[in-house]
Structures are given as C-alpha cells and as structure tokens.
Amino acid sequence: MRNFYLFCFSLAMVLMFGSVAHTQSTMNIYLNDGSVMQIPLNQIDSVTHSTDGDPLFEPLVETSGIDCVLKDRFEAMGEVLNDGGLEVTLRGICWSTSPEPTVDDNVLESGSGVGAFMVEITDLQMETTYFVRAFAVNGMGVGYGEVLEVATPGVIDDFLNVSLDYGEVSDIDGNTYATIIVGDQEWMAENLRTTTYSNGDEIPIVTDDDTWEWLDDGACVWYMNDCNSEIPYGRLYNWHAVEDDRNICPAGWHVPDNDEWDELTDLFGGMAAGGALKSAGTLYWFDPNMGGSNESGMSLLPGGFREDDGFFNALGVMACYWTSTDYGPNDAFYRELSYGHSNIFTTFENRRSGFSVRCVKD
C-alpha cells in the first residue's frame, strides 16, 4: 500500500472554525511518487488516519455514463477509482426519480473492489426521468459518483400507418409489438427483438465475427453490436434460430414460410408489392425509399444484415426477412427490399447470415 501524507489546512479550518475567508474546494493528497490526487470536498464526509499514517476515506467513484436507453431499461456504467485505503466490499448503481439517489433508493449491485463495471437496469416506466449514480462501500462509508439524468422514451411507432388499426402481441421477454391483419393473416408490424425462445431458453447474443462465422446453432445480435439500433430495427437472427423447434416467435405465432409470404405479397401485386409493404418516408429508409407507401400496414424496416462471416451492412438501405423455408443443406430463403426500388425479391442466403424476422399468427 502506498503511504499518503495530507495537505488540507483549509479543510481543517472549516472543520474547526466553521468558516474562513478563503477555502480550497479540493483536498490534495500528496503521494510518495510526487504526484497529487485531488478529491472534491463535497465528496468527503470525514478523513481518518490509521496508526501507520495512511489516510482512510470513502471510495472515490465515477459515474461513467448511460447507454442503450429503451422504453423500459438502460445500461449504467461506473468505476471505483480509489478504494480509500480500505477494501471496497460492495459497488453498483443507485437510481431514483428524485435528484439525489442514494443506496436507500433503488440499487443494483455489481461486485466489489476497484475498477469499472456496468449494470442493466430493467422494469422501468416509459417516458420517465431517472437520476442515476454509481456508488461504492468500504469501512468508512459510501462514496458516490456524480448524478446523471436519463429519460426513457415512450412507444416509438412513427413507422406505422396511422390510418390503420393495429393490435398487439408480447413475446416471452415482455417486448410488445404492433400487429396488423392483412387479408386472412395477422402479422407482426415490427421487427422481432427477443433474446429468448418461447420455451424460455436463451438465444445467445454473439458479437464476435469469428464465432458467428462458424455457428451451427441459433444466435442473434444488434446491428453493428449497437444496442441503440434495437428500436426500431430489432435484432438480427441467423437461420438456425429461425428453424429451432423451441420457436423464436411469441407463443401462438411462427416464422412464415415462402407460401405465407406469397399470400401476403399477392395482395399487393406480387413482386411489385415492396412499396406497399415498406414503411413510408425517409426517417428510417435512405432517400428516396422508392414507392414506400405502407399501404399494407406491414411497415417493413431496413434493418440491414450480417453476412455469414460476421460483416454488417446496409442499415437504412435494405430490409432482409427470413422465411422458414430452407434451400438445400446450407441455405434458406428470405425476402429482400431496397430503398432504391419498390419490388420485393425472393432469394436465398447462407443460414449463418443474420436477417430480420417478422412473425405471423398460427
């Protein structure tokens, strides 16, 4: 352990006399190597010296950031920068709808010791502002990082056709999806986002390119491994997940085969049906989103794809949707749409590719 000696005359004056004309805003800790560690006074409640001269204080903590903000969850990061001379026995994130969250509010623990950590906070309310900060505990008490503010969004449905009536279905993870009746079929009008088969088994999230390339089991991923693409583009799935008997879709729903896609597209002109199936406008599609009227209400979205070697491509440019129909031992059929034309093509690709998924009711 490094030995510290303290220079905090102004702090001592504040403690002894209540106020002085000029006080410093930080406490300087001079290390044996000649460097100086500065700790803001507003993060210090007390300082105690051990018998060998080492100062003891609450852990020095940083709230590093917020990411992956969805309507009911977000990720929060923190780091314990200094243990204060004692073992950090607990660290994590606390949050509240009040501006100064503490460990008496909502808490999610993340191990012990110094270093960086991350937690995913779930089961939150939509359209709500939360105040978040990291904390750590040692024998001197609780140290807190700065407070960050984050607001969860509401339902993002600006890709739907507002002139049509939509239903709703939920998957096993609790994600809800708009649904639309088209002819004699009822389809999901949003891209699948689940990470769980309908029997409760996990669908692995595989981010590494080399691992993805050789998979023979089901897997999913965000486009470019970026959680912020989940809304509205959903996740990308390889065909091994599509064909799995545990069912990637909500209970009572399934991935449509070629014939079921044909039944849908035949209502809007067959191969020329792409414009009627795509979400309208250029908020999510690249300009010009040729023919995109969303007349059907299907609201197909350009979630791009992941090639069988792990390479990502074409977000905003192409929509690729798996069917449940295979094509030989290594490939399977999918439907493809583009921003640059109003057609929908039936083609095939390696089963290890990652495409979007829509489900149709049994």
Protein backbone atom coordinates (compact mmCIF):
# COMPACT_ATOMS: atom_id res chain seq x y z
CA MET A 1 0.00 0.00 0.00
CA ARG A 2 1.26 3.49 -0.85
CA ASN A 3 1.81 5.90 2.06
CA PHE A 4 -0.06 9.22 1.90
CA TYR A 5 0.52 12.49 3.70
CA LEU A 6 -2.14 15.16 3.59
CA PHE A 7 -2.11 18.90 2.99
CA CYS A 8 -5.59 20.14 3.89
CA PHE A 9 -5.13 23.22 6.09
CA SER A 10 -8.22 24.93 4.63
CA LEU A 11 -10.33 21.85 5.29
CA ALA A 12 -9.13 21.74 8.86
CA MET A 13 -10.01 25.39 9.33
CA VAL A 14 -13.53 24.72 8.06
CA LEU A 15 -13.96 21.81 10.42
CA MET A 16 -12.55 23.67 13.42
CA PHE A 17 -13.91 27.15 12.98
CA GLY A 18 -16.95 26.72 10.75
CA SER A 19 -15.87 29.26 8.11
CA VAL A 20 -12.85 31.07 6.82
CA ALA A 21 -12.39 33.78 4.27
CA HIS A 22 -10.72 31.53 1.68
CA THR A 23 -11.04 27.75 1.47
CA GLN A 24 -9.91 25.31 -1.19
CA SER A 25 -12.58 23.24 -2.98
CA THR A 26 -10.49 20.07 -3.12
CA MET A 27 -8.34 18.07 -0.74
CA ASN A 28 -4.83 17.40 -2.05
CA ILE A 29 -3.30 14.00 -1.28
CA TYR A 30 0.44 14.01 -1.98
CA LEU A 31 1.76 10.59 -2.99
CA ASN A 32 5.28 9.26 -2.46
CA ASP A 33 5.96 9.38 -6.21
CA GLY A 34 5.46 13.15 -6.17
CA SER A 35 2.05 13.17 -7.82
CA VAL A 36 -1.03 14.77 -6.30
CA MET A 37 -4.51 13.26 -6.10
CA GLN A 38 -7.31 15.82 -5.74
CA ILE A 39 -10.64 14.85 -4.15
CA PRO A 40 -13.59 17.29 -4.22
CA LEU A 41 -14.56 18.29 -0.69
CA ASN A 42 -18.23 17.77 -1.47
CA GLN A 43 -17.47 14.06 -1.79
CA ILE A 44 -15.81 13.83 1.63
CA ASP A 45 -17.65 13.45 4.91
CA SER A 46 -14.62 12.59 7.05
CA VAL A 47 -10.96 11.59 6.88
CA THR A 48 -9.32 9.24 9.37
CA HIS A 49 -5.64 8.27 9.76
CA SER A 50 -4.65 4.70 10.54
CA THR A 51 -1.87 4.06 13.05
CA ASP A 52 0.77 3.70 10.33
CA GLY A 53 -0.06 7.11 8.89
CA ASP A 54 -2.19 6.05 5.90
CA PRO A 55 -5.34 8.17 5.43
CA LEU A 56 -8.67 6.38 5.20
CA PHE A 57 -11.68 7.77 3.35
CA GLU A 58 -14.77 6.67 1.48
CA PRO A 59 -14.18 5.23 -2.02
CA LEU A 60 -13.64 7.66 -4.87
CA VAL A 61 -16.27 6.79 -7.50
CA GLU A 62 -17.16 7.97 -11.01
CA THR A 63 -20.49 7.56 -12.80
CA SER A 64 -19.10 6.81 -16.25
CA GLY A 65 -22.17 7.01 -18.46
CA ILE A 66 -25.57 5.81 -19.64
CA ASP A 67 -26.22 3.76 -22.78
CA CYS A 68 -28.84 1.62 -24.53
CA VAL A 69 -31.79 3.69 -23.35
CA LEU A 70 -35.02 1.88 -24.23
CA LYS A 71 -38.57 2.43 -23.04
CA ASP A 72 -38.18 0.12 -20.02
CA ARG A 73 -34.42 -0.21 -19.47
CA PHE A 74 -30.97 1.29 -19.84
CA GLU A 75 -27.35 0.45 -19.08
CA ALA A 76 -25.39 2.41 -16.49
CA MET A 77 -21.61 2.39 -16.06
CA GLY A 78 -19.42 3.28 -13.09
CA GLU A 79 -15.86 2.99 -11.90
CA VAL A 80 -14.23 2.82 -8.47
CA LEU A 81 -11.13 4.99 -8.91
CA ASN A 82 -9.70 4.61 -5.42
CA ASP A 83 -10.62 2.30 -2.54
CA GLY A 84 -9.93 4.95 0.14
CA GLY A 85 -7.36 2.76 1.88
CA LEU A 86 -9.84 0.03 2.75
CA GLU A 87 -11.36 -2.89 0.86
CA VAL A 88 -14.35 -1.96 -1.31
CA THR A 89 -16.87 -4.58 -0.24
CA LEU A 90 -19.73 -3.51 -2.50
CA ARG A 91 -20.27 -1.36 -5.58
CA GLY A 92 -23.10 -0.72 -8.00
CA ILE A 93 -25.63 1.78 -9.31
CA CYS A 94 -28.42 3.52 -7.42
CA TRP A 95 -31.28 5.39 -9.06
CA SER A 96 -34.47 7.25 -8.27
CA THR A 97 -36.95 9.68 -9.74
CA SER A 98 -35.61 12.17 -7.17
CA PRO A 99 -32.48 14.22 -7.99
CA GLU A 100 -30.13 12.77 -5.32
CA PRO A 101 -30.36 8.95 -5.33
CA THR A 102 -28.69 7.01 -2.52
CA VAL A 103 -28.30 3.38 -1.51
CA ASP A 104 -31.60 3.75 0.35
CA ASP A 105 -33.32 4.03 -3.06
CA ASN A 106 -33.21 1.54 -5.92
CA VAL A 107 -29.91 -0.34 -6.07
CA LEU A 108 -28.32 -2.83 -8.45
CA GLU A 109 -25.06 -4.31 -7.13
CA SER A 110 -22.07 -5.14 -9.32
CA GLY A 111 -19.40 -6.92 -7.33
CA SER A 112 -16.63 -5.39 -5.24
CA GLY A 113 -13.15 -3.86 -5.49
CA VAL A 114 -11.78 -1.09 -7.68
CA GLY A 115 -12.29 -0.86 -11.43
CA ALA A 116 -15.03 -0.34 -13.99
CA PHE A 117 -18.42 -2.03 -14.01
CA MET A 118 -21.74 -1.95 -15.86
CA VAL A 119 -25.30 -2.95 -14.99
CA GLU A 120 -28.53 -3.15 -16.98
CA ILE A 121 -31.46 -1.59 -15.14
CA THR A 122 -34.80 -3.03 -16.23
CA ASP A 123 -38.52 -2.88 -15.45
CA LEU A 124 -38.60 0.92 -15.73
CA GLN A 125 -41.53 3.13 -16.65
CA MET A 126 -41.86 4.68 -20.11
CA GLU A 127 -41.49 8.44 -20.52
CA THR A 128 -39.95 8.86 -17.08
CA THR A 129 -36.90 10.82 -15.93
CA TYR A 130 -34.48 8.94 -13.68
CA PHE A 131 -31.46 10.17 -11.72
CA VAL A 132 -28.57 7.72 -11.61
CA ARG A 133 -25.18 7.47 -9.95
CA ALA A 134 -22.54 4.91 -9.11
CA PHE A 135 -21.59 4.07 -5.53
CA ALA A 136 -19.06 2.00 -3.59
CA VAL A 137 -18.82 0.96 0.06
CA ASN A 138 -15.81 0.46 2.33
CA GLY A 139 -15.26 0.58 6.10
CA MET A 140 -15.50 4.37 6.10
CA GLY A 141 -18.92 4.50 4.44
CA VAL A 142 -20.43 5.05 0.99
CA GLY A 143 -18.77 7.01 -1.81
CA TYR A 144 -20.88 8.33 -4.70
CA GLY A 145 -20.18 9.44 -8.24
CA GLU A 146 -21.86 12.38 -9.92
CA VAL A 147 -25.59 12.20 -10.70
CA LEU A 148 -26.62 11.62 -14.33
CA GLU A 149 -30.11 12.23 -15.68
CA VAL A 150 -31.78 9.92 -18.20
CA ALA A 151 -35.29 9.88 -19.67
CA THR A 152 -36.87 6.70 -21.01
CA PRO A 153 -38.74 7.16 -24.30
CA GLY A 154 -42.34 6.34 -24.98
CA VAL A 155 -43.56 3.88 -27.60
CA ILE A 156 -41.77 4.51 -30.90
CA ASP A 157 -44.33 3.80 -33.62
CA ASP A 158 -43.71 6.53 -36.17
CA PHE A 159 -43.03 3.90 -38.84
CA LEU A 160 -46.61 2.56 -38.68
CA ASN A 161 -49.50 3.63 -40.91
CA VAL A 162 -51.56 5.90 -38.66
CA SER A 163 -54.67 5.46 -40.80
CA LEU A 164 -54.89 1.74 -39.95
CA ASP A 165 -55.87 -0.11 -36.79
CA TYR A 166 -53.21 -2.21 -35.08
CA GLY A 167 -53.39 -4.93 -32.48
CA GLU A 168 -50.66 -6.03 -30.07
CA VAL A 169 -48.73 -9.14 -29.06
CA SER A 170 -45.98 -9.66 -26.48
CA ASP A 171 -43.03 -12.06 -26.52
CA ILE A 172 -41.63 -14.04 -23.61
CA ASP A 173 -39.20 -11.21 -22.76
CA GLY A 174 -42.07 -8.75 -22.35
CA ASN A 175 -41.42 -6.86 -25.59
CA THR A 176 -44.65 -5.68 -27.19
CA TYR A 177 -45.24 -5.47 -30.93
CA ALA A 178 -47.91 -3.85 -33.05
CA THR A 179 -49.80 -6.37 -35.21
CA ILE A 180 -51.79 -5.88 -38.40
CA ILE A 181 -54.43 -8.01 -40.13
CA VAL A 182 -53.75 -8.26 -43.86
CA GLY A 183 -56.22 -10.41 -45.80
CA ASP A 184 -56.65 -13.65 -43.86
CA GLN A 185 -53.34 -13.31 -41.98
CA GLU A 186 -52.26 -11.43 -38.87
CA TRP A 187 -48.64 -10.27 -38.92
CA MET A 188 -46.30 -8.54 -36.54
CA ALA A 189 -45.80 -4.98 -37.80
CA GLU A 190 -42.46 -4.62 -36.02
CA ASN A 191 -39.15 -6.46 -36.24
CA LEU A 192 -38.52 -9.16 -33.67
CA ARG A 193 -36.37 -8.18 -30.65
CA THR A 194 -36.46 -11.21 -28.36
CA THR A 195 -33.43 -12.97 -26.89
CA THR A 196 -35.45 -15.93 -25.62
CA TYR A 197 -37.15 -18.85 -27.33
CA SER A 198 -40.81 -19.26 -26.46
CA ASN A 199 -39.96 -22.21 -24.15
CA GLY A 200 -37.76 -19.94 -22.01
CA ASP A 201 -34.33 -20.94 -23.35
CA GLU A 202 -31.88 -18.17 -24.16
CA ILE A 203 -30.97 -17.20 -27.72
CA PRO A 204 -27.23 -16.48 -27.47
CA ILE A 205 -26.08 -12.97 -28.39
CA VAL A 206 -22.92 -13.45 -30.48
CA THR A 207 -20.88 -10.33 -31.21
CA ASP A 208 -17.54 -11.84 -32.27
CA ASP A 209 -17.15 -12.19 -36.06
CA ASP A 210 -15.14 -15.42 -36.00
CA THR A 211 -17.58 -17.11 -33.61
CA TRP A 212 -20.57 -16.00 -35.71
CA GLU A 213 -18.99 -17.33 -38.91
CA TRP A 214 -18.89 -20.94 -37.69
CA LEU A 215 -22.14 -21.17 -35.76
CA ASP A 216 -24.42 -24.15 -36.28
CA ASP A 217 -26.80 -23.10 -33.50
CA GLY A 218 -29.24 -20.22 -33.12
CA ALA A 219 -27.89 -16.76 -32.33
CA CYS A 220 -28.88 -13.10 -32.51
CA VAL A 221 -27.18 -9.72 -32.48
CA TRP A 222 -27.80 -5.99 -32.77
CA TYR A 223 -26.70 -4.32 -35.99
CA MET A 224 -23.02 -3.41 -35.52
CA ASN A 225 -23.37 -4.75 -31.96
CA ASP A 226 -25.03 -1.43 -31.12
CA CYS A 227 -27.89 -1.74 -28.64
CA ASN A 228 -29.27 1.62 -29.76
CA SER A 229 -30.32 0.07 -33.08
CA GLU A 230 -32.87 -2.21 -31.39
CA ILE A 231 -35.62 0.39 -31.69
CA PRO A 232 -36.99 0.31 -34.30
CA TYR A 233 -34.82 -2.09 -36.31
CA GLY A 234 -34.98 -5.05 -33.91
CA ARG A 235 -32.31 -7.74 -33.80
CA LEU A 236 -30.71 -9.85 -36.50
CA TYR A 237 -31.00 -13.65 -36.26
CA ASN A 238 -29.28 -16.48 -38.07
CA TRP A 239 -31.49 -19.11 -39.69
CA HIS A 240 -30.55 -21.71 -37.07
CA ALA A 241 -32.60 -19.68 -34.60
CA VAL A 242 -35.46 -19.45 -37.12
CA GLU A 243 -35.70 -23.20 -37.64
CA ASP A 244 -35.33 -24.11 -33.96
CA ASP A 245 -38.29 -26.12 -32.61
CA ARG A 246 -38.25 -24.02 -29.42
CA ASN A 247 -39.82 -21.23 -31.54
CA ILE A 248 -38.28 -17.81 -31.86
CA CYS A 249 -41.70 -16.13 -32.11
CA PRO A 250 -44.25 -15.46 -29.36
CA ALA A 251 -46.39 -18.45 -28.38
CA GLY A 252 -49.13 -18.96 -30.98
CA TRP A 253 -47.01 -17.30 -33.69
CA HIS A 254 -44.35 -18.59 -36.09
CA VAL A 255 -41.86 -17.50 -38.75
CA PRO A 256 -43.72 -17.51 -42.11
CA ASP A 257 -42.67 -19.85 -44.88
CA ASN A 258 -42.40 -18.94 -48.57
CA ASP A 259 -46.08 -19.70 -49.23
CA GLU A 260 -47.23 -17.40 -46.42
CA TRP A 261 -45.07 -14.56 -47.73
CA ASP A 262 -46.51 -15.20 -51.22
CA GLU A 263 -50.04 -14.95 -49.82
CA LEU A 264 -49.15 -11.52 -48.40
CA THR A 265 -47.36 -10.12 -51.45
CA ASP A 266 -50.02 -11.38 -53.90
CA LEU A 267 -52.49 -8.95 -52.30
CA PHE A 268 -50.33 -6.01 -53.47
CA GLY A 269 -49.08 -7.08 -56.88
CA GLY A 270 -46.64 -9.90 -56.19
CA MET A 271 -43.03 -8.87 -56.78
CA ALA A 272 -44.16 -5.24 -57.15
CA ALA A 273 -45.56 -5.23 -53.58
CA GLY A 274 -42.42 -3.79 -51.97
CA GLY A 275 -43.65 -0.20 -51.82
CA ALA A 276 -46.94 -1.22 -50.18
CA LEU A 277 -45.04 -3.24 -47.56
CA LYS A 278 -42.28 -0.76 -46.66
CA SER A 279 -42.65 1.93 -44.01
CA ALA A 280 -43.17 5.29 -45.68
CA GLY A 281 -40.82 8.27 -45.77
CA THR A 282 -37.08 8.59 -45.21
CA LEU A 283 -36.84 8.72 -41.42
CA TYR A 284 -35.60 5.12 -41.37
CA TRP A 285 -35.10 4.39 -45.07
CA PHE A 286 -32.49 6.15 -47.17
CA ASP A 287 -33.79 8.63 -49.70
CA PRO A 288 -35.74 8.11 -51.94
CA ASN A 289 -37.39 4.99 -50.40
CA MET A 290 -38.88 4.35 -53.81
CA GLY A 291 -42.62 3.65 -53.74
CA GLY A 292 -42.73 3.35 -49.93
CA SER A 293 -46.42 3.89 -49.09
CA ASN A 294 -47.00 1.35 -46.31
CA GLU A 295 -50.45 0.78 -47.74
CA SER A 296 -50.46 -2.70 -46.19
CA GLY A 297 -49.57 -1.51 -42.69
CA MET A 298 -46.71 -4.03 -42.57
CA SER A 299 -44.17 -1.22 -42.02
CA LEU A 300 -41.15 -3.24 -43.14
CA LEU A 301 -37.92 -1.64 -41.94
CA PRO A 302 -34.36 -1.57 -43.35
CA GLY A 303 -32.55 -3.34 -40.54
CA GLY A 304 -29.61 -4.27 -42.76
CA PHE A 305 -27.95 -7.65 -42.37
CA ARG A 306 -24.96 -9.53 -41.03
CA GLU A 307 -23.11 -11.69 -43.51
CA ASP A 308 -22.13 -15.24 -42.64
CA ASP A 309 -18.55 -14.03 -41.99
CA GLY A 310 -19.80 -11.52 -39.39
CA PHE A 311 -19.65 -8.36 -41.55
CA PHE A 312 -22.53 -5.87 -41.07
CA ASN A 313 -24.03 -3.94 -43.96
CA ALA A 314 -26.96 -1.91 -45.36
CA LEU A 315 -28.77 -0.41 -42.35
CA GLY A 316 -31.28 2.05 -43.82
CA VAL A 317 -30.67 0.59 -47.28
CA MET A 318 -32.08 -2.93 -47.28
CA ALA A 319 -34.70 -4.96 -45.45
CA CYS A 320 -33.99 -8.70 -45.34
CA TYR A 321 -36.52 -11.07 -43.74
CA TRP A 322 -36.01 -14.77 -43.18
CA THR A 323 -38.61 -17.30 -44.24
CA SER A 324 -38.79 -20.71 -42.57
CA THR A 325 -38.22 -22.44 -45.92
CA ASP A 326 -34.80 -23.97 -46.47
CA TYR A 327 -32.87 -24.17 -49.74
CA GLY A 328 -30.54 -27.12 -49.73
CA PRO A 329 -28.29 -28.13 -46.83
CA ASN A 330 -26.62 -24.74 -46.25
CA ASP A 331 -29.02 -22.00 -47.38
CA ALA A 332 -32.54 -20.71 -46.73
CA PHE A 333 -34.96 -18.35 -48.47
CA TYR A 334 -35.51 -14.76 -47.42
CA ARG A 335 -37.33 -11.66 -48.74
CA GLU A 336 -35.36 -8.60 -49.76
CA LEU A 337 -36.42 -4.96 -50.21
CA SER A 338 -34.39 -1.84 -51.00
CA TYR A 339 -34.61 1.94 -50.69
CA GLY A 340 -33.92 2.25 -54.44
CA HIS A 341 -36.90 0.34 -55.87
CA SER A 342 -40.42 -0.78 -54.95
CA ASN A 343 -40.02 -4.52 -55.52
CA ILE A 344 -39.72 -7.41 -53.08
CA PHE A 345 -37.48 -10.26 -54.15
CA THR A 346 -37.35 -13.89 -53.07
CA THR A 347 -33.78 -15.15 -52.85
CA PHE A 348 -31.62 -17.34 -50.63
CA GLU A 349 -28.53 -16.96 -48.48
CA ASN A 350 -26.29 -18.93 -46.14
CA ARG A 351 -28.04 -20.00 -42.94
CA ARG A 352 -25.33 -18.34 -40.85
CA SER A 353 -26.34 -14.91 -42.17
CA GLY A 354 -28.16 -12.52 -39.84
CA PHE A 355 -31.51 -11.12 -41.04
CA SER A 356 -34.59 -9.51 -39.52
CA VAL A 357 -37.60 -11.61 -38.54
CA ARG A 358 -41.35 -11.00 -38.71
CA CYS A 359 -43.82 -13.47 -37.21
CA VAL A 360 -47.31 -14.45 -38.38
CA LYS A 361 -50.10 -15.79 -36.20
CA ASP A 362 -50.79 -19.55 -36.25
